[in-house]
Amino acid sequence: STEPDALRPLLARRGALLAAGDVR
């Protein structure tokens, strides 16, 4: 759940790898 102007995406995918979280 993110705002339209969020600083960064919270989800990512790379082939069979999935990531969820807040990373700076």
PDBML (XML) file of the C-alpha atoms, coordinates in Angstrom:
<?xml version="1.0" encoding="UTF-8" ?>
<PDBx:datablock datablockName="MODEL"
   xmlns:PDBx="http://pdbml.pdb.org/schema/pdbx-v50.xsd"
   xmlns:xsi="http://www.w3.org/2001/XMLSchema-instance"
   xsi:schemaLocation="http://pdbml.pdb.org/schema/pdbx-v50.xsd pdbx-v50.xsd">
   <PDBx:atom_siteCategory>
      <PDBx:atom_site id="1">
         <PDBx:B_iso_or_equiv>0.00</PDBx:B_iso_or_equiv>
         <PDBx:Cartn_x>0.000</PDBx:Cartn_x>
         <PDBx:Cartn_y>0.000</PDBx:Cartn_y>
         <PDBx:Cartn_z>0.000</PDBx:Cartn_z>
         <PDBx:auth_asym_id>A</PDBx:auth_asym_id>
         <PDBx:auth_atom_id>CA</PDBx:auth_atom_id>
         <PDBx:auth_comp_id>SER</PDBx:auth_comp_id>
         <PDBx:auth_seq_id>1</PDBx:auth_seq_id>
         <PDBx:group_PDB>ATOM</PDBx:group_PDB>
         <PDBx:label_alt_id xsi:nil="true" />
         <PDBx:label_asym_id>A</PDBx:label_asym_id>
         <PDBx:label_atom_id>CA</PDBx:label_atom_id>
         <PDBx:label_comp_id>SER</PDBx:label_comp_id>
         <PDBx:label_entity_id>1</PDBx:label_entity_id>
         <PDBx:label_seq_id>1</PDBx:label_seq_id>
         <PDBx:occupancy>1.00</PDBx:occupancy>
         <PDBx:pdbx_PDB_model_num>1</PDBx:pdbx_PDB_model_num>
         <PDBx:type_symbol>C</PDBx:type_symbol>
      </PDBx:atom_site>
      <PDBx:atom_site id="2">
         <PDBx:B_iso_or_equiv>0.00</PDBx:B_iso_or_equiv>
         <PDBx:Cartn_x>1.777</PDBx:Cartn_x>
         <PDBx:Cartn_y>3.134</PDBx:Cartn_y>
         <PDBx:Cartn_z>-1.199</PDBx:Cartn_z>
         <PDBx:auth_asym_id>A</PDBx:auth_asym_id>
         <PDBx:auth_atom_id>CA</PDBx:auth_atom_id>
         <PDBx:auth_comp_id>THR</PDBx:auth_comp_id>
         <PDBx:auth_seq_id>2</PDBx:auth_seq_id>
         <PDBx:group_PDB>ATOM</PDBx:group_PDB>
         <PDBx:label_alt_id xsi:nil="true" />
         <PDBx:label_asym_id>A</PDBx:label_asym_id>
         <PDBx:label_atom_id>CA</PDBx:label_atom_id>
         <PDBx:label_comp_id>THR</PDBx:label_comp_id>
         <PDBx:label_entity_id>1</PDBx:label_entity_id>
         <PDBx:label_seq_id>2</PDBx:label_seq_id>
         <PDBx:occupancy>1.00</PDBx:occupancy>
         <PDBx:pdbx_PDB_model_num>1</PDBx:pdbx_PDB_model_num>
         <PDBx:type_symbol>C</PDBx:type_symbol>
      </PDBx:atom_site>
      <PDBx:atom_site id="3">
         <PDBx:B_iso_or_equiv>0.00</PDBx:B_iso_or_equiv>
         <PDBx:Cartn_x>0.953</PDBx:Cartn_x>
         <PDBx:Cartn_y>6.757</PDBx:Cartn_y>
         <PDBx:Cartn_z>-1.963</PDBx:Cartn_z>
         <PDBx:auth_asym_id>A</PDBx:auth_asym_id>
         <PDBx:auth_atom_id>CA</PDBx:auth_atom_id>
         <PDBx:auth_comp_id>GLU</PDBx:auth_comp_id>
         <PDBx:auth_seq_id>3</PDBx:auth_seq_id>
         <PDBx:group_PDB>ATOM</PDBx:group_PDB>
         <PDBx:label_alt_id xsi:nil="true" />
         <PDBx:label_asym_id>A</PDBx:label_asym_id>
         <PDBx:label_atom_id>CA</PDBx:label_atom_id>
         <PDBx:label_comp_id>GLU</PDBx:label_comp_id>
         <PDBx:label_entity_id>1</PDBx:label_entity_id>
         <PDBx:label_seq_id>3</PDBx:label_seq_id>
         <PDBx:occupancy>1.00</PDBx:occupancy>
         <PDBx:pdbx_PDB_model_num>1</PDBx:pdbx_PDB_model_num>
         <PDBx:type_symbol>C</PDBx:type_symbol>
      </PDBx:atom_site>
      <PDBx:atom_site id="4">
         <PDBx:B_iso_or_equiv>0.00</PDBx:B_iso_or_equiv>
         <PDBx:Cartn_x>1.040</PDBx:Cartn_x>
         <PDBx:Cartn_y>7.926</PDBx:Cartn_y>
         <PDBx:Cartn_z>-5.608</PDBx:Cartn_z>
         <PDBx:auth_asym_id>A</PDBx:auth_asym_id>
         <PDBx:auth_atom_id>CA</PDBx:auth_atom_id>
         <PDBx:auth_comp_id>PRO</PDBx:auth_comp_id>
         <PDBx:auth_seq_id>4</PDBx:auth_seq_id>
         <PDBx:group_PDB>ATOM</PDBx:group_PDB>
         <PDBx:label_alt_id xsi:nil="true" />
         <PDBx:label_asym_id>A</PDBx:label_asym_id>
         <PDBx:label_atom_id>CA</PDBx:label_atom_id>
         <PDBx:label_comp_id>PRO</PDBx:label_comp_id>
         <PDBx:label_entity_id>1</PDBx:label_entity_id>
         <PDBx:label_seq_id>4</PDBx:label_seq_id>
         <PDBx:occupancy>1.00</PDBx:occupancy>
         <PDBx:pdbx_PDB_model_num>1</PDBx:pdbx_PDB_model_num>
         <PDBx:type_symbol>C</PDBx:type_symbol>
      </PDBx:atom_site>
      <PDBx:atom_site id="5">
         <PDBx:B_iso_or_equiv>0.00</PDBx:B_iso_or_equiv>
         <PDBx:Cartn_x>4.154</PDBx:Cartn_x>
         <PDBx:Cartn_y>10.015</PDBx:Cartn_y>
         <PDBx:Cartn_z>-4.858</PDBx:Cartn_z>
         <PDBx:auth_asym_id>A</PDBx:auth_asym_id>
         <PDBx:auth_atom_id>CA</PDBx:auth_atom_id>
         <PDBx:auth_comp_id>ASP</PDBx:auth_comp_id>
         <PDBx:auth_seq_id>5</PDBx:auth_seq_id>
         <PDBx:group_PDB>ATOM</PDBx:group_PDB>
         <PDBx:label_alt_id xsi:nil="true" />
         <PDBx:label_asym_id>A</PDBx:label_asym_id>
         <PDBx:label_atom_id>CA</PDBx:label_atom_id>
         <PDBx:label_comp_id>ASP</PDBx:label_comp_id>
         <PDBx:label_entity_id>1</PDBx:label_entity_id>
         <PDBx:label_seq_id>5</PDBx:label_seq_id>
         <PDBx:occupancy>1.00</PDBx:occupancy>
         <PDBx:pdbx_PDB_model_num>1</PDBx:pdbx_PDB_model_num>
         <PDBx:type_symbol>C</PDBx:type_symbol>
      </PDBx:atom_site>
      <PDBx:atom_site id="6">
         <PDBx:B_iso_or_equiv>0.00</PDBx:B_iso_or_equiv>
         <PDBx:Cartn_x>5.943</PDBx:Cartn_x>
         <PDBx:Cartn_y>7.341</PDBx:Cartn_y>
         <PDBx:Cartn_z>-2.816</PDBx:Cartn_z>
         <PDBx:auth_asym_id>A</PDBx:auth_asym_id>
         <PDBx:auth_atom_id>CA</PDBx:auth_atom_id>
         <PDBx:auth_comp_id>ALA</PDBx:auth_comp_id>
         <PDBx:auth_seq_id>6</PDBx:auth_seq_id>
         <PDBx:group_PDB>ATOM</PDBx:group_PDB>
         <PDBx:label_alt_id xsi:nil="true" />
         <PDBx:label_asym_id>A</PDBx:label_asym_id>
         <PDBx:label_atom_id>CA</PDBx:label_atom_id>
         <PDBx:label_comp_id>ALA</PDBx:label_comp_id>
         <PDBx:label_entity_id>1</PDBx:label_entity_id>
         <PDBx:label_seq_id>6</PDBx:label_seq_id>
         <PDBx:occupancy>1.00</PDBx:occupancy>
         <PDBx:pdbx_PDB_model_num>1</PDBx:pdbx_PDB_model_num>
         <PDBx:type_symbol>C</PDBx:type_symbol>
      </PDBx:atom_site>
      <PDBx:atom_site id="7">
         <PDBx:B_iso_or_equiv>0.00</PDBx:B_iso_or_equiv>
         <PDBx:Cartn_x>9.721</PDBx:Cartn_x>
         <PDBx:Cartn_y>7.685</PDBx:Cartn_y>
         <PDBx:Cartn_z>-2.573</PDBx:Cartn_z>
         <PDBx:auth_asym_id>A</PDBx:auth_asym_id>
         <PDBx:auth_atom_id>CA</PDBx:auth_atom_id>
         <PDBx:auth_comp_id>LEU</PDBx:auth_comp_id>
         <PDBx:auth_seq_id>7</PDBx:auth_seq_id>
         <PDBx:group_PDB>ATOM</PDBx:group_PDB>
         <PDBx:label_alt_id xsi:nil="true" />
         <PDBx:label_asym_id>A</PDBx:label_asym_id>
         <PDBx:label_atom_id>CA</PDBx:label_atom_id>
         <PDBx:label_comp_id>LEU</PDBx:label_comp_id>
         <PDBx:label_entity_id>1</PDBx:label_entity_id>
         <PDBx:label_seq_id>7</PDBx:label_seq_id>
         <PDBx:occupancy>1.00</PDBx:occupancy>
         <PDBx:pdbx_PDB_model_num>1</PDBx:pdbx_PDB_model_num>
         <PDBx:type_symbol>C</PDBx:type_symbol>
      </PDBx:atom_site>
      <PDBx:atom_site id="8">
         <PDBx:B_iso_or_equiv>0.00</PDBx:B_iso_or_equiv>
         <PDBx:Cartn_x>10.362</PDBx:Cartn_x>
         <PDBx:Cartn_y>4.157</PDBx:Cartn_y>
         <PDBx:Cartn_z>-3.875</PDBx:Cartn_z>
         <PDBx:auth_asym_id>A</PDBx:auth_asym_id>
         <PDBx:auth_atom_id>CA</PDBx:auth_atom_id>
         <PDBx:auth_comp_id>ARG</PDBx:auth_comp_id>
         <PDBx:auth_seq_id>8</PDBx:auth_seq_id>
         <PDBx:group_PDB>ATOM</PDBx:group_PDB>
         <PDBx:label_alt_id xsi:nil="true" />
         <PDBx:label_asym_id>A</PDBx:label_asym_id>
         <PDBx:label_atom_id>CA</PDBx:label_atom_id>
         <PDBx:label_comp_id>ARG</PDBx:label_comp_id>
         <PDBx:label_entity_id>1</PDBx:label_entity_id>
         <PDBx:label_seq_id>8</PDBx:label_seq_id>
         <PDBx:occupancy>1.00</PDBx:occupancy>
         <PDBx:pdbx_PDB_model_num>1</PDBx:pdbx_PDB_model_num>
         <PDBx:type_symbol>C</PDBx:type_symbol>
      </PDBx:atom_site>
      <PDBx:atom_site id="9">
         <PDBx:B_iso_or_equiv>0.00</PDBx:B_iso_or_equiv>
         <PDBx:Cartn_x>8.638</PDBx:Cartn_x>
         <PDBx:Cartn_y>0.948</PDBx:Cartn_y>
         <PDBx:Cartn_z>-4.987</PDBx:Cartn_z>
         <PDBx:auth_asym_id>A</PDBx:auth_asym_id>
         <PDBx:auth_atom_id>CA</PDBx:auth_atom_id>
         <PDBx:auth_comp_id>PRO</PDBx:auth_comp_id>
         <PDBx:auth_seq_id>9</PDBx:auth_seq_id>
         <PDBx:group_PDB>ATOM</PDBx:group_PDB>
         <PDBx:label_alt_id xsi:nil="true" />
         <PDBx:label_asym_id>A</PDBx:label_asym_id>
         <PDBx:label_atom_id>CA</PDBx:label_atom_id>
         <PDBx:label_comp_id>PRO</PDBx:label_comp_id>
         <PDBx:label_entity_id>1</PDBx:label_entity_id>
         <PDBx:label_seq_id>9</PDBx:label_seq_id>
         <PDBx:occupancy>1.00</PDBx:occupancy>
         <PDBx:pdbx_PDB_model_num>1</PDBx:pdbx_PDB_model_num>
         <PDBx:type_symbol>C</PDBx:type_symbol>
      </PDBx:atom_site>
      <PDBx:atom_site id="10">
         <PDBx:B_iso_or_equiv>0.00</PDBx:B_iso_or_equiv>
         <PDBx:Cartn_x>8.013</PDBx:Cartn_x>
         <PDBx:Cartn_y>-1.664</PDBx:Cartn_y>
         <PDBx:Cartn_z>-2.300</PDBx:Cartn_z>
         <PDBx:auth_asym_id>A</PDBx:auth_asym_id>
         <PDBx:auth_atom_id>CA</PDBx:auth_atom_id>
         <PDBx:auth_comp_id>LEU</PDBx:auth_comp_id>
         <PDBx:auth_seq_id>10</PDBx:auth_seq_id>
         <PDBx:group_PDB>ATOM</PDBx:group_PDB>
         <PDBx:label_alt_id xsi:nil="true" />
         <PDBx:label_asym_id>A</PDBx:label_asym_id>
         <PDBx:label_atom_id>CA</PDBx:label_atom_id>
         <PDBx:label_comp_id>LEU</PDBx:label_comp_id>
         <PDBx:label_entity_id>1</PDBx:label_entity_id>
         <PDBx:label_seq_id>10</PDBx:label_seq_id>
         <PDBx:occupancy>1.00</PDBx:occupancy>
         <PDBx:pdbx_PDB_model_num>1</PDBx:pdbx_PDB_model_num>
         <PDBx:type_symbol>C</PDBx:type_symbol>
      </PDBx:atom_site>
      <PDBx:atom_site id="11">
         <PDBx:B_iso_or_equiv>0.00</PDBx:B_iso_or_equiv>
         <PDBx:Cartn_x>7.853</PDBx:Cartn_x>
         <PDBx:Cartn_y>-4.707</PDBx:Cartn_y>
         <PDBx:Cartn_z>-4.600</PDBx:Cartn_z>
         <PDBx:auth_asym_id>A</PDBx:auth_asym_id>
         <PDBx:auth_atom_id>CA</PDBx:auth_atom_id>
         <PDBx:auth_comp_id>LEU</PDBx:auth_comp_id>
         <PDBx:auth_seq_id>11</PDBx:auth_seq_id>
         <PDBx:group_PDB>ATOM</PDBx:group_PDB>
         <PDBx:label_alt_id xsi:nil="true" />
         <PDBx:label_asym_id>A</PDBx:label_asym_id>
         <PDBx:label_atom_id>CA</PDBx:label_atom_id>
         <PDBx:label_comp_id>LEU</PDBx:label_comp_id>
         <PDBx:label_entity_id>1</PDBx:label_entity_id>
         <PDBx:label_seq_id>11</PDBx:label_seq_id>
         <PDBx:occupancy>1.00</PDBx:occupancy>
         <PDBx:pdbx_PDB_model_num>1</PDBx:pdbx_PDB_model_num>
         <PDBx:type_symbol>C</PDBx:type_symbol>
      </PDBx:atom_site>
      <PDBx:atom_site id="12">
         <PDBx:B_iso_or_equiv>0.00</PDBx:B_iso_or_equiv>
         <PDBx:Cartn_x>10.263</PDBx:Cartn_x>
         <PDBx:Cartn_y>-6.141</PDBx:Cartn_y>
         <PDBx:Cartn_z>-7.170</PDBx:Cartn_z>
         <PDBx:auth_asym_id>A</PDBx:auth_asym_id>
         <PDBx:auth_atom_id>CA</PDBx:auth_atom_id>
         <PDBx:auth_comp_id>ALA</PDBx:auth_comp_id>
         <PDBx:auth_seq_id>12</PDBx:auth_seq_id>
         <PDBx:group_PDB>ATOM</PDBx:group_PDB>
         <PDBx:label_alt_id xsi:nil="true" />
         <PDBx:label_asym_id>A</PDBx:label_asym_id>
         <PDBx:label_atom_id>CA</PDBx:label_atom_id>
         <PDBx:label_comp_id>ALA</PDBx:label_comp_id>
         <PDBx:label_entity_id>1</PDBx:label_entity_id>
         <PDBx:label_seq_id>12</PDBx:label_seq_id>
         <PDBx:occupancy>1.00</PDBx:occupancy>
         <PDBx:pdbx_PDB_model_num>1</PDBx:pdbx_PDB_model_num>
         <PDBx:type_symbol>C</PDBx:type_symbol>
      </PDBx:atom_site>
      <PDBx:atom_site id="13">
         <PDBx:B_iso_or_equiv>0.00</PDBx:B_iso_or_equiv>
         <PDBx:Cartn_x>10.626</PDBx:Cartn_x>
         <PDBx:Cartn_y>-9.242</PDBx:Cartn_y>
         <PDBx:Cartn_z>-9.309</PDBx:Cartn_z>
         <PDBx:auth_asym_id>A</PDBx:auth_asym_id>
         <PDBx:auth_atom_id>CA</PDBx:auth_atom_id>
         <PDBx:auth_comp_id>ARG</PDBx:auth_comp_id>
         <PDBx:auth_seq_id>13</PDBx:auth_seq_id>
         <PDBx:group_PDB>ATOM</PDBx:group_PDB>
         <PDBx:label_alt_id xsi:nil="true" />
         <PDBx:label_asym_id>A</PDBx:label_asym_id>
         <PDBx:label_atom_id>CA</PDBx:label_atom_id>
         <PDBx:label_comp_id>ARG</PDBx:label_comp_id>
         <PDBx:label_entity_id>1</PDBx:label_entity_id>
         <PDBx:label_seq_id>13</PDBx:label_seq_id>
         <PDBx:occupancy>1.00</PDBx:occupancy>
         <PDBx:pdbx_PDB_model_num>1</PDBx:pdbx_PDB_model_num>
         <PDBx:type_symbol>C</PDBx:type_symbol>
      </PDBx:atom_site>
      <PDBx:atom_site id="14">
         <PDBx:B_iso_or_equiv>0.00</PDBx:B_iso_or_equiv>
         <PDBx:Cartn_x>13.594</PDBx:Cartn_x>
         <PDBx:Cartn_y>-10.811</PDBx:Cartn_y>
         <PDBx:Cartn_z>-11.076</PDBx:Cartn_z>
         <PDBx:auth_asym_id>A</PDBx:auth_asym_id>
         <PDBx:auth_atom_id>CA</PDBx:auth_atom_id>
         <PDBx:auth_comp_id>ARG</PDBx:auth_comp_id>
         <PDBx:auth_seq_id>14</PDBx:auth_seq_id>
         <PDBx:group_PDB>ATOM</PDBx:group_PDB>
         <PDBx:label_alt_id xsi:nil="true" />
         <PDBx:label_asym_id>A</PDBx:label_asym_id>
         <PDBx:label_atom_id>CA</PDBx:label_atom_id>
         <PDBx:label_comp_id>ARG</PDBx:label_comp_id>
         <PDBx:label_entity_id>1</PDBx:label_entity_id>
         <PDBx:label_seq_id>14</PDBx:label_seq_id>
         <PDBx:occupancy>1.00</PDBx:occupancy>
         <PDBx:pdbx_PDB_model_num>1</PDBx:pdbx_PDB_model_num>
         <PDBx:type_symbol>C</PDBx:type_symbol>
      </PDBx:atom_site>
      <PDBx:atom_site id="15">
         <PDBx:B_iso_or_equiv>0.00</PDBx:B_iso_or_equiv>
         <PDBx:Cartn_x>12.767</PDBx:Cartn_x>
         <PDBx:Cartn_y>-14.155</PDBx:Cartn_y>
         <PDBx:Cartn_z>-12.643</PDBx:Cartn_z>
         <PDBx:auth_asym_id>A</PDBx:auth_asym_id>
         <PDBx:auth_atom_id>CA</PDBx:auth_atom_id>
         <PDBx:auth_comp_id>GLY</PDBx:auth_comp_id>
         <PDBx:auth_seq_id>15</PDBx:auth_seq_id>
         <PDBx:group_PDB>ATOM</PDBx:group_PDB>
         <PDBx:label_alt_id xsi:nil="true" />
         <PDBx:label_asym_id>A</PDBx:label_asym_id>
         <PDBx:label_atom_id>CA</PDBx:label_atom_id>
         <PDBx:label_comp_id>GLY</PDBx:label_comp_id>
         <PDBx:label_entity_id>1</PDBx:label_entity_id>
         <PDBx:label_seq_id>15</PDBx:label_seq_id>
         <PDBx:occupancy>1.00</PDBx:occupancy>
         <PDBx:pdbx_PDB_model_num>1</PDBx:pdbx_PDB_model_num>
         <PDBx:type_symbol>C</PDBx:type_symbol>
      </PDBx:atom_site>
      <PDBx:atom_site id="16">
         <PDBx:B_iso_or_equiv>0.00</PDBx:B_iso_or_equiv>
         <PDBx:Cartn_x>11.924</PDBx:Cartn_x>
         <PDBx:Cartn_y>-16.567</PDBx:Cartn_y>
         <PDBx:Cartn_z>-9.838</PDBx:Cartn_z>
         <PDBx:auth_asym_id>A</PDBx:auth_asym_id>
         <PDBx:auth_atom_id>CA</PDBx:auth_atom_id>
         <PDBx:auth_comp_id>ALA</PDBx:auth_comp_id>
         <PDBx:auth_seq_id>16</PDBx:auth_seq_id>
         <PDBx:group_PDB>ATOM</PDBx:group_PDB>
         <PDBx:label_alt_id xsi:nil="true" />
         <PDBx:label_asym_id>A</PDBx:label_asym_id>
         <PDBx:label_atom_id>CA</PDBx:label_atom_id>
         <PDBx:label_comp_id>ALA</PDBx:label_comp_id>
         <PDBx:label_entity_id>1</PDBx:label_entity_id>
         <PDBx:label_seq_id>16</PDBx:label_seq_id>
         <PDBx:occupancy>1.00</PDBx:occupancy>
         <PDBx:pdbx_PDB_model_num>1</PDBx:pdbx_PDB_model_num>
         <PDBx:type_symbol>C</PDBx:type_symbol>
      </PDBx:atom_site>
      <PDBx:atom_site id="17">
         <PDBx:B_iso_or_equiv>0.00</PDBx:B_iso_or_equiv>
         <PDBx:Cartn_x>13.025</PDBx:Cartn_x>
         <PDBx:Cartn_y>-14.042</PDBx:Cartn_y>
         <PDBx:Cartn_z>-7.207</PDBx:Cartn_z>
         <PDBx:auth_asym_id>A</PDBx:auth_asym_id>
         <PDBx:auth_atom_id>CA</PDBx:auth_atom_id>
         <PDBx:auth_comp_id>LEU</PDBx:auth_comp_id>
         <PDBx:auth_seq_id>17</PDBx:auth_seq_id>
         <PDBx:group_PDB>ATOM</PDBx:group_PDB>
         <PDBx:label_alt_id xsi:nil="true" />
         <PDBx:label_asym_id>A</PDBx:label_asym_id>
         <PDBx:label_atom_id>CA</PDBx:label_atom_id>
         <PDBx:label_comp_id>LEU</PDBx:label_comp_id>
         <PDBx:label_entity_id>1</PDBx:label_entity_id>
         <PDBx:label_seq_id>17</PDBx:label_seq_id>
         <PDBx:occupancy>1.00</PDBx:occupancy>
         <PDBx:pdbx_PDB_model_num>1</PDBx:pdbx_PDB_model_num>
         <PDBx:type_symbol>C</PDBx:type_symbol>
      </PDBx:atom_site>
      <PDBx:atom_site id="18">
         <PDBx:B_iso_or_equiv>0.00</PDBx:B_iso_or_equiv>
         <PDBx:Cartn_x>10.441</PDBx:Cartn_x>
         <PDBx:Cartn_y>-11.789</PDBx:Cartn_y>
         <PDBx:Cartn_z>-5.567</PDBx:Cartn_z>
         <PDBx:auth_asym_id>A</PDBx:auth_asym_id>
         <PDBx:auth_atom_id>CA</PDBx:auth_atom_id>
         <PDBx:auth_comp_id>LEU</PDBx:auth_comp_id>
         <PDBx:auth_seq_id>18</PDBx:auth_seq_id>
         <PDBx:group_PDB>ATOM</PDBx:group_PDB>
         <PDBx:label_alt_id xsi:nil="true" />
         <PDBx:label_asym_id>A</PDBx:label_asym_id>
         <PDBx:label_atom_id>CA</PDBx:label_atom_id>
         <PDBx:label_comp_id>LEU</PDBx:label_comp_id>
         <PDBx:label_entity_id>1</PDBx:label_entity_id>
         <PDBx:label_seq_id>18</PDBx:label_seq_id>
         <PDBx:occupancy>1.00</PDBx:occupancy>
         <PDBx:pdbx_PDB_model_num>1</PDBx:pdbx_PDB_model_num>
         <PDBx:type_symbol>C</PDBx:type_symbol>
      </PDBx:atom_site>
      <PDBx:atom_site id="19">
         <PDBx:B_iso_or_equiv>0.00</PDBx:B_iso_or_equiv>
         <PDBx:Cartn_x>11.070</PDBx:Cartn_x>
         <PDBx:Cartn_y>-9.055</PDBx:Cartn_y>
         <PDBx:Cartn_z>-3.023</PDBx:Cartn_z>
         <PDBx:auth_asym_id>A</PDBx:auth_asym_id>
         <PDBx:auth_atom_id>CA</PDBx:auth_atom_id>
         <PDBx:auth_comp_id>ALA</PDBx:auth_comp_id>
         <PDBx:auth_seq_id>19</PDBx:auth_seq_id>
         <PDBx:group_PDB>ATOM</PDBx:group_PDB>
         <PDBx:label_alt_id xsi:nil="true" />
         <PDBx:label_asym_id>A</PDBx:label_asym_id>
         <PDBx:label_atom_id>CA</PDBx:label_atom_id>
         <PDBx:label_comp_id>ALA</PDBx:label_comp_id>
         <PDBx:label_entity_id>1</PDBx:label_entity_id>
         <PDBx:label_seq_id>19</PDBx:label_seq_id>
         <PDBx:occupancy>1.00</PDBx:occupancy>
         <PDBx:pdbx_PDB_model_num>1</PDBx:pdbx_PDB_model_num>
         <PDBx:type_symbol>C</PDBx:type_symbol>
      </PDBx:atom_site>
      <PDBx:atom_site id="20">
         <PDBx:B_iso_or_equiv>0.00</PDBx:B_iso_or_equiv>
         <PDBx:Cartn_x>8.760</PDBx:Cartn_x>
         <PDBx:Cartn_y>-7.030</PDBx:Cartn_y>
         <PDBx:Cartn_z>-0.811</PDBx:Cartn_z>
         <PDBx:auth_asym_id>A</PDBx:auth_asym_id>
         <PDBx:auth_atom_id>CA</PDBx:auth_atom_id>
         <PDBx:auth_comp_id>ALA</PDBx:auth_comp_id>
         <PDBx:auth_seq_id>20</PDBx:auth_seq_id>
         <PDBx:group_PDB>ATOM</PDBx:group_PDB>
         <PDBx:label_alt_id xsi:nil="true" />
         <PDBx:label_asym_id>A</PDBx:label_asym_id>
         <PDBx:label_atom_id>CA</PDBx:label_atom_id>
         <PDBx:label_comp_id>ALA</PDBx:label_comp_id>
         <PDBx:label_entity_id>1</PDBx:label_entity_id>
         <PDBx:label_seq_id>20</PDBx:label_seq_id>
         <PDBx:occupancy>1.00</PDBx:occupancy>
         <PDBx:pdbx_PDB_model_num>1</PDBx:pdbx_PDB_model_num>
         <PDBx:type_symbol>C</PDBx:type_symbol>
      </PDBx:atom_site>
      <PDBx:atom_site id="21">
         <PDBx:B_iso_or_equiv>0.00</PDBx:B_iso_or_equiv>
         <PDBx:Cartn_x>9.791</PDBx:Cartn_x>
         <PDBx:Cartn_y>-4.343</PDBx:Cartn_y>
         <PDBx:Cartn_z>1.637</PDBx:Cartn_z>
         <PDBx:auth_asym_id>A</PDBx:auth_asym_id>
         <PDBx:auth_atom_id>CA</PDBx:auth_atom_id>
         <PDBx:auth_comp_id>GLY</PDBx:auth_comp_id>
         <PDBx:auth_seq_id>21</PDBx:auth_seq_id>
         <PDBx:group_PDB>ATOM</PDBx:group_PDB>
         <PDBx:label_alt_id xsi:nil="true" />
         <PDBx:label_asym_id>A</PDBx:label_asym_id>
         <PDBx:label_atom_id>CA</PDBx:label_atom_id>
         <PDBx:label_comp_id>GLY</PDBx:label_comp_id>
         <PDBx:label_entity_id>1</PDBx:label_entity_id>
         <PDBx:label_seq_id>21</PDBx:label_seq_id>
         <PDBx:occupancy>1.00</PDBx:occupancy>
         <PDBx:pdbx_PDB_model_num>1</PDBx:pdbx_PDB_model_num>
         <PDBx:type_symbol>C</PDBx:type_symbol>
      </PDBx:atom_site>
      <PDBx:atom_site id="22">
         <PDBx:B_iso_or_equiv>0.00</PDBx:B_iso_or_equiv>
         <PDBx:Cartn_x>11.114</PDBx:Cartn_x>
         <PDBx:Cartn_y>-0.855</PDBx:Cartn_y>
         <PDBx:Cartn_z>2.190</PDBx:Cartn_z>
         <PDBx:auth_asym_id>A</PDBx:auth_asym_id>
         <PDBx:auth_atom_id>CA</PDBx:auth_atom_id>
         <PDBx:auth_comp_id>ASP</PDBx:auth_comp_id>
         <PDBx:auth_seq_id>22</PDBx:auth_seq_id>
         <PDBx:group_PDB>ATOM</PDBx:group_PDB>
         <PDBx:label_alt_id xsi:nil="true" />
         <PDBx:label_asym_id>A</PDBx:label_asym_id>
         <PDBx:label_atom_id>CA</PDBx:label_atom_id>
         <PDBx:label_comp_id>ASP</PDBx:label_comp_id>
         <PDBx:label_entity_id>1</PDBx:label_entity_id>
         <PDBx:label_seq_id>22</PDBx:label_seq_id>
         <PDBx:occupancy>1.00</PDBx:occupancy>
         <PDBx:pdbx_PDB_model_num>1</PDBx:pdbx_PDB_model_num>
         <PDBx:type_symbol>C</PDBx:type_symbol>
      </PDBx:atom_site>
      <PDBx:atom_site id="23">
         <PDBx:B_iso_or_equiv>0.00</PDBx:B_iso_or_equiv>
         <PDBx:Cartn_x>14.806</PDBx:Cartn_x>
         <PDBx:Cartn_y>-0.454</PDBx:Cartn_y>
         <PDBx:Cartn_z>1.337</PDBx:Cartn_z>
         <PDBx:auth_asym_id>A</PDBx:auth_asym_id>
         <PDBx:auth_atom_id>CA</PDBx:auth_atom_id>
         <PDBx:auth_comp_id>VAL</PDBx:auth_comp_id>
         <PDBx:auth_seq_id>23</PDBx:auth_seq_id>
         <PDBx:group_PDB>ATOM</PDBx:group_PDB>
         <PDBx:label_alt_id xsi:nil="true" />
         <PDBx:label_asym_id>A</PDBx:label_asym_id>
         <PDBx:label_atom_id>CA</PDBx:label_atom_id>
         <PDBx:label_comp_id>VAL</PDBx:label_comp_id>
         <PDBx:label_entity_id>1</PDBx:label_entity_id>
         <PDBx:label_seq_id>23</PDBx:label_seq_id>
         <PDBx:occupancy>1.00</PDBx:occupancy>
         <PDBx:pdbx_PDB_model_num>1</PDBx:pdbx_PDB_model_num>
         <PDBx:type_symbol>C</PDBx:type_symbol>
      </PDBx:atom_site>
      <PDBx:atom_site id="24">
         <PDBx:B_iso_or_equiv>0.00</PDBx:B_iso_or_equiv>
         <PDBx:Cartn_x>16.978</PDBx:Cartn_x>
         <PDBx:Cartn_y>2.685</PDBx:Cartn_y>
         <PDBx:Cartn_z>1.478</PDBx:Cartn_z>
         <PDBx:auth_asym_id>A</PDBx:auth_asym_id>
         <PDBx:auth_atom_id>CA</PDBx:auth_atom_id>
         <PDBx:auth_comp_id>ARG</PDBx:auth_comp_id>
         <PDBx:auth_seq_id>24</PDBx:auth_seq_id>
         <PDBx:group_PDB>ATOM</PDBx:group_PDB>
         <PDBx:label_alt_id xsi:nil="true" />
         <PDBx:label_asym_id>A</PDBx:label_asym_id>
         <PDBx:label_atom_id>CA</PDBx:label_atom_id>
         <PDBx:label_comp_id>ARG</PDBx:label_comp_id>
         <PDBx:label_entity_id>1</PDBx:label_entity_id>
         <PDBx:label_seq_id>24</PDBx:label_seq_id>
         <PDBx:occupancy>1.00</PDBx:occupancy>
         <PDBx:pdbx_PDB_model_num>1</PDBx:pdbx_PDB_model_num>
         <PDBx:type_symbol>C</PDBx:type_symbol>
      </PDBx:atom_site>
   </PDBx:atom_siteCategory>
</PDBx:datablock>
